[in-house]
Each structure stands twice: as C-alpha cells, then as structure tokens.
Amino acid sequence: MDIVFRSGIYPKDLAGKRVLDLGCGPTGRFVRYLRDHGVDAYGLDSRPVARSSFLMQAEANEIPQPSSPYDRIFVHYAVFRLGVSGFSEPLINQGRLTEEENYLNLLVMMKILDQMNKVTQPGSQAIIVPYSDELEDFLLPYSCTIENILNNPIASLITNILYANKLCPALVQRLIINY
C-alpha cells in the first residue's frame, strides 16, 4: 500500500479512531486497507466512488456532516494539489492552468480547511501529506505542527516511480492540524 509508506501513517496509529480519507479515489483503496486492519475509516472523493456504505461522492469543500465527528482526517495529494507551487507551477508553465485558476484553487483550499474543522471535534487531527509552504497563510487560525517523515527508502523509491512527472513535491514532511 504505497500511500502508507509515503505518509508514515500506519493502521496501528489509527486504532480506535474514526478516520476520513479526503480524496480517497474512486475505489477507496486506502480506506479499504484501513478497514481491513480494523480502522473505522470512511472516504470521500469528487469522482464517482465504488458502491459501499463507507465511500461517499462529494466535493472536499462540501464535506457531508457525519453521524459523529472524525478523529483523524487524512489528506494526501489530491485535495491540496492545485494552488501549491510544486503542483501548479509546472501546469502554469505548460499552459494547462492559468494564474486566475490557481488563485481560485487557493480560495477553495481555505474552504476545505473550514469544512474539515466542521466535521472534527477538539482533540481531532488532520494529517496533510505532502506539506507545502503555500498552506501556511491559511493555517494561522489552527494549532499546527510539522513532522518529518522518516527517511524510508521504500517511500522514496515508490514516490520516484509513481511521480516521475515532477508534479509532486518531495515527501519529507507532513502537516498535523490539531483541533
């Protein structure tokens, strides 16, 4: 499970927690992996998702209110990718993204952070991988810590293979938002 290796988050770290994978993808692979390991995990993606009681189709800036708050929200790549220079600059340079679209993406990221706050409770955490300096201005209202991801040769290998197109920043840190 490549996302586990890249993020430094393992099912044992999430035991007893209610988890939301924001941007889970159509199959919810990471969510299924967590559920197979006993974690109460749910997934949300803007694309149509496989039919299940734990995968939802919705925009990240309109997270449905859960029956009970999430203890952890796991955000990797998809949700905060645009508006972050490591992703957007190559797209702008290639003419695939305008500066205006990039600015709108930054505004959407602010709304997503607000939505994440609404579906958590005090003591919850959001784990954002990869961490990017562009998020700092949006995070001022939150209590945050930045953790180094252990130098994991498997993570480096997988990241280099999967993201050789250079649209992903290096995975050396993860951001933890404490609610």
Foldseek 3Di string as FASTA:
>chain_A
DLVCLLQVDDLVNQPPFEEEEEACPQENVVQVVSVVVPHNYAYEHCDHHDDDPRYYHDHLLCDDADPAAGQEYEYECPLLLQLFCQQPVVCVVVVNAPPVNSVVSLVSVLSSVVVNVRRHDANGKYKYPPDGPSCVVSCVVFDKDKDFRPPDVVNVVVCCVVPVVRNDDRGGIMMMTGD
